[in-house]
C-alpha atoms as a PDB file:
ATOM      1  CA  MET A   1      -9.870 -12.957  16.020  1.00  0.00           C
ATOM      2  CA  LYS A   2     -12.438 -14.567  13.855  1.00  0.00           C
ATOM      3  CA  GLN A   3     -10.701 -16.271  10.939  1.00  0.00           C
ATOM      4  CA  LEU A   4     -12.504 -15.369   7.726  1.00  0.00           C
ATOM      5  CA  ASN A   5     -12.129 -17.137   4.394  1.00  0.00           C
ATOM      6  CA  TRP A   6      -9.654 -14.936   2.449  1.00  0.00           C
ATOM      7  CA  ILE A   7     -11.209 -15.650  -0.934  1.00  0.00           C
ATOM      8  CA  THR A   8     -14.818 -15.071   0.036  1.00  0.00           C
ATOM      9  CA  THR A   9     -14.224 -11.951   2.108  1.00  0.00           C
ATOM     10  CA  THR A  10     -11.252 -10.798   0.083  1.00  0.00           C
ATOM     11  CA  ILE A  11      -9.937  -9.322   3.253  1.00  0.00           C
ATOM     12  CA  LEU A  12      -9.356 -12.086   5.645  1.00  0.00           C
ATOM     13  CA  VAL A  13      -6.940  -9.688   7.005  1.00  0.00           C
ATOM     14  CA  GLY A  14      -9.576  -9.607   9.556  1.00  0.00           C
ATOM     15  CA  ALA A  15      -6.618  -9.729  11.700  1.00  0.00           C
ATOM     16  CA  LEU A  16      -4.111  -8.556   9.300  1.00  0.00           C
ATOM     17  CA  GLY A  17      -2.587 -11.725  10.478  1.00  0.00           C
ATOM     18  CA  ALA A  18       1.135 -12.083  10.539  1.00  0.00           C
ATOM     19  CA  LEU A  19       2.445 -10.271   7.540  1.00  0.00           C
ATOM     20  CA  ALA A  20       5.607 -12.264   7.257  1.00  0.00           C
ATOM     21  CA  LEU A  21       7.761 -10.986   4.519  1.00  0.00           C
ATOM     22  CA  GLY A  22       9.499 -13.985   5.953  1.00  0.00           C
ATOM     23  CA  CYS A  23      12.275 -13.839   3.483  1.00  0.00           C
ATOM     24  CA  ASN A  24      14.363 -10.764   2.873  1.00  0.00           C
ATOM     25  CA  LEU A  25      12.678  -8.435   0.476  1.00  0.00           C
ATOM     26  CA  SER A  26      14.604  -9.002  -2.731  1.00  0.00           C
ATOM     27  CA  LYS A  27      14.671  -6.640  -5.651  1.00  0.00           C
ATOM     28  CA  THR A  28      12.036  -6.672  -8.348  1.00  0.00           C
ATOM     29  CA  SER A  29      12.618  -5.611 -11.912  1.00  0.00           C
ATOM     30  CA  SER A  30      10.742  -3.596 -14.428  1.00  0.00           C
ATOM     31  CA  ASN A  31      11.011  -2.318 -17.946  1.00  0.00           C
ATOM     32  CA  SER A  32      11.807   1.345 -18.227  1.00  0.00           C
ATOM     33  CA  ASN A  33       9.113   3.013 -20.290  1.00  0.00           C
ATOM     34  CA  THR A  34       5.823   1.237 -19.755  1.00  0.00           C
ATOM     35  CA  ASN A  35       5.872   0.138 -16.128  1.00  0.00           C
ATOM     36  CA  SER A  36       3.694   1.547 -13.386  1.00  0.00           C
ATOM     37  CA  PRO A  37       2.544  -0.087 -10.178  1.00  0.00           C
ATOM     38  CA  SER A  38       2.521  -3.616 -11.584  1.00  0.00           C
ATOM     39  CA  ASN A  39       3.353  -7.034 -10.224  1.00  0.00           C
ATOM     40  CA  ASP A  40       4.379  -8.301 -13.646  1.00  0.00           C
ATOM     41  CA  ASN A  41       7.946  -7.030 -13.480  1.00  0.00           C
ATOM     42  CA  LYS A  42       9.648  -8.565 -10.477  1.00  0.00           C
ATOM     43  CA  THR A  43      13.068 -10.188 -10.485  1.00  0.00           C
ATOM     44  CA  SER A  44      15.740 -10.420  -7.859  1.00  0.00           C
ATOM     45  CA  ASN A  45      17.683  -7.487  -9.216  1.00  0.00           C
ATOM     46  CA  SER A  46      15.369  -4.511  -9.773  1.00  0.00           C
ATOM     47  CA  SER A  47      11.842  -3.145  -9.397  1.00  0.00           C
ATOM     48  CA  SER A  48       9.022  -1.291 -11.106  1.00  0.00           C
ATOM     49  CA  SER A  49       6.745   1.806 -11.024  1.00  0.00           C
ATOM     50  CA  PRO A  50       6.105   5.664 -10.346  1.00  0.00           C
ATOM     51  CA  ALA A  51       7.925   9.129 -10.276  1.00  0.00           C
ATOM     52  CA  SER A  52       8.048  12.113  -7.917  1.00  0.00           C
ATOM     53  CA  ASN A  53       9.203  15.671  -8.293  1.00  0.00           C
ATOM     54  CA  ALA A  54      12.493  16.286  -6.547  1.00  0.00           C
ATOM     55  CA  GLN A  55      12.260  19.037  -3.961  1.00  0.00           C
ATOM     56  CA  ASP A  56      14.987  21.589  -3.284  1.00  0.00           C
ATOM     57  CA  HIS A  57      15.167  21.981   0.471  1.00  0.00           C
ATOM     58  CA  SER A  58      18.174  24.257   0.376  1.00  0.00           C
ATOM     59  CA  LYS A  59      16.005  27.368   0.718  1.00  0.00           C
ATOM     60  CA  SER A  60      13.337  25.953   3.006  1.00  0.00           C
ATOM     61  CA  ALA A  61      13.099  24.400   6.425  1.00  0.00           C
ATOM     62  CA  ALA A  62      14.072  20.760   6.687  1.00  0.00           C
ATOM     63  CA  PRO A  63      11.061  18.422   6.513  1.00  0.00           C
ATOM     64  CA  ALA A  64       9.844  16.918   9.756  1.00  0.00           C
ATOM     65  CA  PRO A  65      11.310  13.453  10.380  1.00  0.00           C
ATOM     66  CA  LYS A  66       9.034  10.531   9.658  1.00  0.00           C
ATOM     67  CA  PRO A  67       7.656   8.728  12.697  1.00  0.00           C
ATOM     68  CA  ASP A  68       9.595   5.563  13.519  1.00  0.00           C
ATOM     69  CA  ILE A  69       7.061   2.777  13.016  1.00  0.00           C
ATOM     70  CA  ALA A  70       9.355  -0.252  13.293  1.00  0.00           C
ATOM     71  CA  GLY A  71       8.607  -2.484  16.259  1.00  0.00           C
ATOM     72  CA  LYS A  72       6.223  -4.990  17.770  1.00  0.00           C
ATOM     73  CA  TYR A  73       2.563  -4.180  18.369  1.00  0.00           C
ATOM     74  CA  ASN A  74      -0.520  -5.567  20.038  1.00  0.00           C
ATOM     75  CA  ILE A  75      -3.518  -5.271  17.737  1.00  0.00           C
ATOM     76  CA  THR A  76      -7.274  -5.178  18.162  1.00  0.00           C
ATOM     77  CA  GLY A  77      -9.707  -4.797  15.320  1.00  0.00           C
ATOM     78  CA  THR A  78     -12.971  -5.600  13.630  1.00  0.00           C
ATOM     79  CA  ASN A  79     -13.593  -7.628  10.505  1.00  0.00           C
ATOM     80  CA  PRO A  80     -15.880  -6.219   7.795  1.00  0.00           C
ATOM     81  CA  ASP A  81     -18.748  -8.267   9.275  1.00  0.00           C
ATOM     82  CA  GLY A  82     -18.237  -6.599  12.662  1.00  0.00           C
ATOM     83  CA  ALA A  83     -16.566  -9.564  14.386  1.00  0.00           C
ATOM     84  CA  ALA A  84     -13.751  -8.547  16.723  1.00  0.00           C
ATOM     85  CA  TYR A  85     -10.217  -9.922  16.660  1.00  0.00           C
ATOM     86  CA  LYS A  86      -6.892  -9.397  18.403  1.00  0.00           C
ATOM     87  CA  GLY A  87      -3.315 -10.502  17.963  1.00  0.00           C
ATOM     88  CA  THR A  88       0.171  -9.190  17.375  1.00  0.00           C
ATOM     89  CA  MET A  89       1.991  -7.450  14.540  1.00  0.00           C
ATOM     90  CA  GLU A  90       5.652  -6.801  13.777  1.00  0.00           C
ATOM     91  CA  VAL A  91       6.906  -4.011  11.517  1.00  0.00           C
ATOM     92  CA  ILE A  92      10.457  -4.372  10.187  1.00  0.00           C
ATOM     93  CA  ALA A  93      12.362  -1.754   8.163  1.00  0.00           C
ATOM     94  CA  ARG A  94      13.612  -3.179   4.849  1.00  0.00           C
ATOM     95  CA  GLY A  95      15.446  -0.421   3.040  1.00  0.00           C
ATOM     96  CA  ASP A  96      12.882   2.051   1.662  1.00  0.00           C
ATOM     97  CA  VAL A  97       9.904  -0.133   2.586  1.00  0.00           C
ATOM     98  CA  TYR A  98       8.603  -2.124   5.536  1.00  0.00           C
ATOM     99  CA  GLN A  99       7.837  -5.743   6.165  1.00  0.00           C
ATOM    100  CA  PHE A 100       4.531  -6.278   8.000  1.00  0.00           C
ATOM    101  CA  ARG A 101       3.769  -9.522   9.834  1.00  0.00           C
ATOM    102  CA  TRP A 102       0.504 -10.254  11.613  1.00  0.00           C
ATOM    103  CA  ASP A 103      -0.417 -13.129  13.879  1.00  0.00           C
ATOM    104  CA  ALA A 104      -4.085 -12.995  14.787  1.00  0.00           C
ATOM    105  CA  GLY A 105      -5.356 -16.527  14.496  1.00  0.00           C
ATOM    106  CA  SER A 106      -3.824 -16.751  11.028  1.00  0.00           C
ATOM    107  CA  GLN A 107      -0.595 -15.475   9.567  1.00  0.00           C
ATOM    108  CA  TYR A 108      -0.426 -12.584   7.115  1.00  0.00           C
ATOM    109  CA  ASP A 109       2.494 -11.006   5.331  1.00  0.00           C
ATOM    110  CA  GLY A 110       2.945  -7.868   3.267  1.00  0.00           C
ATOM    111  CA  VAL A 111       4.825  -4.781   2.213  1.00  0.00           C
ATOM    112  CA  GLY A 112       4.275  -1.186   3.335  1.00  0.00           C
ATOM    113  CA  VAL A 113       5.365   2.286   2.240  1.00  0.00           C
ATOM    114  CA  GLN A 114       5.427   5.306   4.529  1.00  0.00           C
ATOM    115  CA  ASN A 115       4.224   8.710   3.371  1.00  0.00           C
ATOM    116  CA  GLY A 116       4.594  11.082   6.308  1.00  0.00           C
ATOM    117  CA  ASN A 117       2.099  10.001   8.982  1.00  0.00           C
ATOM    118  CA  ILE A 118       0.397   7.578   6.582  1.00  0.00           C
ATOM    119  CA  ILE A 119       1.517   3.994   6.013  1.00  0.00           C
ATOM    120  CA  ALA A 120      -0.057   2.019   3.177  1.00  0.00           C
ATOM    121  CA  VAL A 121       0.279  -1.772   3.198  1.00  0.00           C
ATOM    122  CA  SER A 122      -0.632  -4.589   0.825  1.00  0.00           C
ATOM    123  CA  PHE A 123      -0.777  -8.099   2.280  1.00  0.00           C
ATOM    124  CA  THR A 124      -1.966 -11.629   1.822  1.00  0.00           C
ATOM    125  CA  THR A 125      -2.302 -14.804   3.858  1.00  0.00           C
ATOM    126  CA  GLY A 126       0.695 -17.032   4.477  1.00  0.00           C
ATOM    127  CA  SER A 127       4.373 -16.557   5.170  1.00  0.00           C
ATOM    128  CA  ASN A 128       5.144 -14.140   2.347  1.00  0.00           C
ATOM    129  CA  GLY A 129       3.412 -11.415   0.389  1.00  0.00           C
ATOM    130  CA  LYS A 130       4.705 -12.388  -3.049  1.00  0.00           C
ATOM    131  CA  GLY A 131       2.660 -10.782  -5.819  1.00  0.00           C
ATOM    132  CA  CYS A 132       1.335  -7.922  -3.676  1.00  0.00           C
ATOM    133  CA  GLY A 133       2.191  -4.267  -4.229  1.00  0.00           C
ATOM    134  CA  VAL A 134       1.024  -1.007  -2.728  1.00  0.00           C
ATOM    135  CA  VAL A 135       0.760   2.642  -3.793  1.00  0.00           C
ATOM    136  CA  ASP A 136       0.064   5.580  -1.516  1.00  0.00           C
ATOM    137  CA  TYR A 137      -1.055   8.842  -3.114  1.00  0.00           C
ATOM    138  CA  ASP A 138      -1.412  12.319  -1.689  1.00  0.00           C
ATOM    139  CA  ILE A 139      -4.253  14.108  -3.497  1.00  0.00           C
ATOM    140  CA  GLN A 140      -3.135  17.615  -4.432  1.00  0.00           C
ATOM    141  CA  GLY A 141      -5.398  20.656  -4.652  1.00  0.00           C
ATOM    142  CA  ASP A 142      -5.597  20.418  -8.451  1.00  0.00           C
ATOM    143  CA  GLY A 143      -6.491  16.715  -8.310  1.00  0.00           C
ATOM    144  CA  THR A 144      -3.000  15.468  -9.149  1.00  0.00           C
ATOM    145  CA  LEU A 145      -2.021  12.225  -7.411  1.00  0.00           C
ATOM    146  CA  ASP A 146       1.494  12.260  -5.978  1.00  0.00           C
ATOM    147  CA  GLY A 147       2.465   8.736  -5.027  1.00  0.00           C
ATOM    148  CA  LYS A 148       5.029   6.351  -3.574  1.00  0.00           C
ATOM    149  CA  TRP A 149       4.881   2.624  -4.255  1.00  0.00           C
ATOM    150  CA  GLY A 150       6.555  -0.680  -3.524  1.00  0.00           C
ATOM    151  CA  TYR A 151       6.289  -4.410  -4.164  1.00  0.00           C
ATOM    152  CA  TRP A 152       6.893  -7.394  -2.013  1.00  0.00           C
ATOM    153  CA  GLY A 153      10.325  -8.705  -2.902  1.00  0.00           C
ATOM    154  CA  THR A 154      12.161  -5.382  -3.182  1.00  0.00           C
ATOM    155  CA  ASN A 155      13.697  -3.079  -0.607  1.00  0.00           C
ATOM    156  CA  GLU A 156      13.224   0.043  -2.698  1.00  0.00           C
ATOM    157  CA  MET A 157      10.353   2.383  -3.560  1.00  0.00           C
ATOM    158  CA  GLY A 158       9.289   3.914  -6.825  1.00  0.00           C
ATOM    159  CA  THR A 159       7.361   7.142  -7.305  1.00  0.00           C
ATOM    160  CA  GLU A 160       4.475   8.235  -9.511  1.00  0.00           C
ATOM    161  CA  THR A 161       2.654  11.442 -10.393  1.00  0.00           C
ATOM    162  CA  ALA A 162      -0.760  11.106 -12.060  1.00  0.00           C
ATOM    163  CA  THR A 163      -2.297  14.202 -13.668  1.00  0.00           C
ATOM    164  CA  ARG A 164      -6.070  14.110 -14.143  1.00  0.00           C
ATOM    165  CA  THR A 165      -7.265  14.519 -17.730  1.00  0.00           C
ATOM    166  CA  GLY A 166     -10.959  13.864 -17.105  1.00  0.00           C
ATOM    167  CA  GLY A 167     -13.504  13.262 -14.361  1.00  0.00           C
ATOM    168  CA  SER A 168     -13.975  14.912 -11.002  1.00  0.00           C
ATOM    169  CA  SER A 169     -12.874  14.392  -7.437  1.00  0.00           C
ATOM    170  CA  LEU A 170     -10.815  11.160  -7.320  1.00  0.00           C
ATOM    171  CA  VAL A 171     -12.770   9.419 -10.081  1.00  0.00           C
ATOM    172  CA  GLY A 172     -11.482   9.997 -13.603  1.00  0.00           C
ATOM    173  CA  GLU A 173      -8.701   9.466 -16.116  1.00  0.00           C
ATOM    174  CA  TYR A 174      -5.057  10.341 -15.528  1.00  0.00           C
ATOM    175  CA  ASP A 175      -1.738  10.543 -17.329  1.00  0.00           C
ATOM    176  CA  ALA A 176       0.811   8.917 -15.050  1.00  0.00           C
ATOM    177  CA  THR A 177       4.563   9.399 -15.156  1.00  0.00           C
ATOM    178  CA  GLY A 178       6.781   7.483 -12.837  1.00  0.00           C
ATOM    179  CA  LYS A 179      10.225   6.391 -11.865  1.00  0.00           C
ATOM    180  CA  ASN A 180      11.258   2.856 -11.035  1.00  0.00           C
ATOM    181  CA  PRO A 181      13.627   2.239  -8.123  1.00  0.00           C
ATOM    182  CA  ASP A 182      16.462   1.792 -10.632  1.00  0.00           C
ATOM    183  CA  GLY A 183      15.858   5.345 -11.866  1.00  0.00           C
ATOM    184  CA  LYS A 184      14.234   4.402 -15.175  1.00  0.00           C
ATOM    185  CA  GLN A 185      11.142   6.397 -16.058  1.00  0.00           C
ATOM    186  CA  TYR A 186       7.817   5.178 -17.396  1.00  0.00           C
ATOM    187  CA  LYS A 187       4.455   6.474 -18.602  1.00  0.00           C
ATOM    188  CA  ALA A 188       0.993   4.944 -18.282  1.00  0.00           C
ATOM    189  CA  LYS A 189      -2.700   5.757 -18.418  1.00  0.00           C
ATOM    190  CA  LEU A 190      -4.598   5.417 -15.154  1.00  0.00           C
ATOM    191  CA  THR A 191      -8.348   5.143 -14.651  1.00  0.00           C
ATOM    192  CA  VAL A 192     -10.007   5.434 -11.240  1.00  0.00           C
ATOM    193  CA  GLU A 193     -13.570   4.137 -10.836  1.00  0.00           C
ATOM    194  CA  PRO A 194     -15.875   4.024  -7.799  1.00  0.00           C
ATOM    195  CA  ALA A 195     -16.292   0.628  -6.134  1.00  0.00           C
ATOM    196  CA  GLY A 196     -18.832   1.132  -3.380  1.00  0.00           C
ATOM    197  CA  SER A 197     -17.003   2.927  -0.580  1.00  0.00           C
ATOM    198  CA  LEU A 198     -13.682   2.031  -2.243  1.00  0.00           C
ATOM    199  CA  TYR A 199     -12.022   2.797  -5.581  1.00  0.00           C
ATOM    200  CA  HIS A 200     -10.829   0.618  -8.447  1.00  0.00           C
ATOM    201  CA  PHE A 201      -7.507   1.653 -10.032  1.00  0.00           C
ATOM    202  CA  VAL A 202      -6.605   0.392 -13.509  1.00  0.00           C
ATOM    203  CA  TRP A 203      -3.270   1.111 -15.192  1.00  0.00           C
ATOM    204  CA  SER A 204      -2.718   0.693 -18.930  1.00  0.00           C
ATOM    205  CA  ASN A 205      -0.024  -1.916 -18.307  1.00  0.00           C
ATOM    206  CA  ASN A 206      -2.742  -4.371 -17.234  1.00  0.00           C
ATOM    207  CA  SER A 207      -2.204  -3.713 -13.533  1.00  0.00           C
ATOM    208  CA  ASP A 208      -5.117  -2.994 -11.246  1.00  0.00           C
ATOM    209  CA  GLY A 209      -5.814  -2.450  -7.581  1.00  0.00           C
ATOM    210  CA  VAL A 210      -8.361  -1.408  -4.980  1.00  0.00           C
ATOM    211  CA  GLY A 211      -7.942   1.700  -2.850  1.00  0.00           C
ATOM    212  CA  ILE A 212      -9.346   3.301   0.251  1.00  0.00           C
ATOM    213  CA  LYS A 213      -9.513   7.090   0.537  1.00  0.00           C
ATOM    214  CA  ARG A 214      -8.871   8.818   3.834  1.00  0.00           C
ATOM    215  CA  GLY A 215      -8.988  12.583   3.694  1.00  0.00           C
ATOM    216  CA  ASN A 216      -6.569  13.739   1.007  1.00  0.00           C
ATOM    217  CA  ASN A 217      -4.791  10.394   0.863  1.00  0.00           C
ATOM    218  CA  VAL A 218      -5.613   7.147  -0.921  1.00  0.00           C
ATOM    219  CA  ALA A 219      -3.885   3.790  -0.331  1.00  0.00           C
ATOM    220  CA  VAL A 220      -4.110   1.213  -3.110  1.00  0.00           C
ATOM    221  CA  GLY A 221      -3.400  -2.507  -2.831  1.00  0.00           C
ATOM    222  CA  ILE A 222      -2.266  -4.226  -6.035  1.00  0.00           C
ATOM    223  CA  GLY A 223      -2.205  -7.928  -6.784  1.00  0.00           C
ATOM    224  CA  GLY A 224      -5.778  -9.053  -7.366  1.00  0.00           C
ATOM    225  CA  THR A 225      -8.312 -10.386  -4.913  1.00  0.00           C
ATOM    226  CA  ARG A 226      -5.685 -12.354  -3.012  1.00  0.00           C
ATOM    227  CA  CYS A 227      -4.089  -9.114  -1.744  1.00  0.00           C
ATOM    228  CA  GLY A 228      -5.693  -6.909   0.865  1.00  0.00           C
ATOM    229  CA  PHE A 229      -4.706  -3.363   1.737  1.00  0.00           C
ATOM    230  CA  VAL A 230      -4.434  -1.210   4.837  1.00  0.00           C
ATOM    231  CA  THR A 231      -4.072   2.499   5.454  1.00  0.00           C
ATOM    232  CA  TYR A 232      -2.668   3.452   8.859  1.00  0.00           C
ATOM    233  CA  GLN A 233      -2.401   6.887  10.433  1.00  0.00           C
ATOM    234  CA  VAL A 234       0.338   7.324  13.016  1.00  0.00           C
ATOM    235  CA  GLN A 235      -1.127   8.828  16.178  1.00  0.00           C
ATOM    236  CA  SER A 236       0.647  11.192  18.594  1.00  0.00           C
ATOM    237  CA  ASP A 237       1.259   8.318  21.031  1.00  0.00           C
ATOM    238  CA  GLY A 238       2.880   6.169  18.310  1.00  0.00           C
ATOM    239  CA  SER A 239      -0.095   3.858  17.859  1.00  0.00           C
ATOM    240  CA  LEU A 240      -1.400   3.049  14.378  1.00  0.00           C
ATOM    241  CA  ASP A 241      -5.046   3.661  13.502  1.00  0.00           C
ATOM    242  CA  GLY A 242      -5.993   1.549  10.510  1.00  0.00           C
ATOM    243  CA  LEU A 243      -8.713   0.907   7.947  1.00  0.00           C
ATOM    244  CA  TRP A 244      -8.403  -2.136   5.726  1.00  0.00           C
ATOM    245  CA  GLY A 245     -10.109  -4.001   2.930  1.00  0.00           C
ATOM    246  CA  GLY A 246      -9.515  -6.215  -0.073  1.00  0.00           C
ATOM    247  CA  GLY A 247     -10.179  -6.655  -3.781  1.00  0.00           C
ATOM    248  CA  GLY A 248     -13.623  -7.943  -4.675  1.00  0.00           C
ATOM    249  CA  SER A 249     -15.452  -6.344  -1.737  1.00  0.00           C
ATOM    250  CA  ASP A 250     -16.486  -2.821  -0.806  1.00  0.00           C
ATOM    251  CA  LYS A 251     -16.545  -3.603   2.934  1.00  0.00           C
ATOM    252  CA  THR A 252     -13.836  -2.433   5.316  1.00  0.00           C
ATOM    253  CA  GLY A 253     -12.549  -3.363   8.734  1.00  0.00           C
ATOM    254  CA  THR A 254     -10.667  -1.416  11.395  1.00  0.00           C
ATOM    255  CA  GLU A 255      -7.488  -2.020  13.341  1.00  0.00           C
ATOM    256  CA  LYS A 256      -5.670  -0.389  16.233  1.00  0.00           C
ATOM    257  CA  ALA A 257      -1.989  -1.268  16.764  1.00  0.00           C
ATOM    258  CA  VAL A 258      -0.224  -0.265  19.999  1.00  0.00           C
ATOM    259  CA  LYS A 259       3.520  -0.734  20.461  1.00  0.00           C
ATOM    260  CA  GLN A 260       4.500  -3.282  23.057  1.00  0.00           C
END
């Protein structure tokens, strides 16, 4: 893999190097009423962000089990400039979230949340992904964003539902309501703006991130330009088909991960 400068390319993940949530994901904290996906509210005992509608499955078929993505992978990919890379990746279950470690010439570390066959990851260079968070939204037919989110340093997910109040397609203004992993609810305003082929997400709690849309799903990495983001689709053979990028750039790379 060609090692790119993380700051200049914003997505040195050019190899999504070894995402080493090296240390155990510890809990992050958040305040109850104003938090949304934000890296400002992390302590060892709680976490912060979004809310989902509880579903009653008593009168419907049980949902299909989520694909098991934990394991070791061989990876091949391309950087945003087209240069090829290869390496290895390890995915480790950590409660509600996943630890991602890459080793592809450099080490990378991050946190991922699974939403059906989609896994969204936020990562950075080095041995831990401190300061990085990730949100994965399903885009509903009426434009509502139904999301799951997590931060490096916690083993639990939060949820968020964002209802569009203006704009069209993904771009626009939203009223977001969410639930932190500790069960406390919050409200926030969310604005989504185009950023080349990507999207810029800004929450009213001074959090912001960059997202990549794939069909009716959008994965958003939070944490500033130091944090990149990946959206993987789980294939029928268990491999992961990924697109990735980073804050400060509208270029994307690709990655294929095959279990060893």
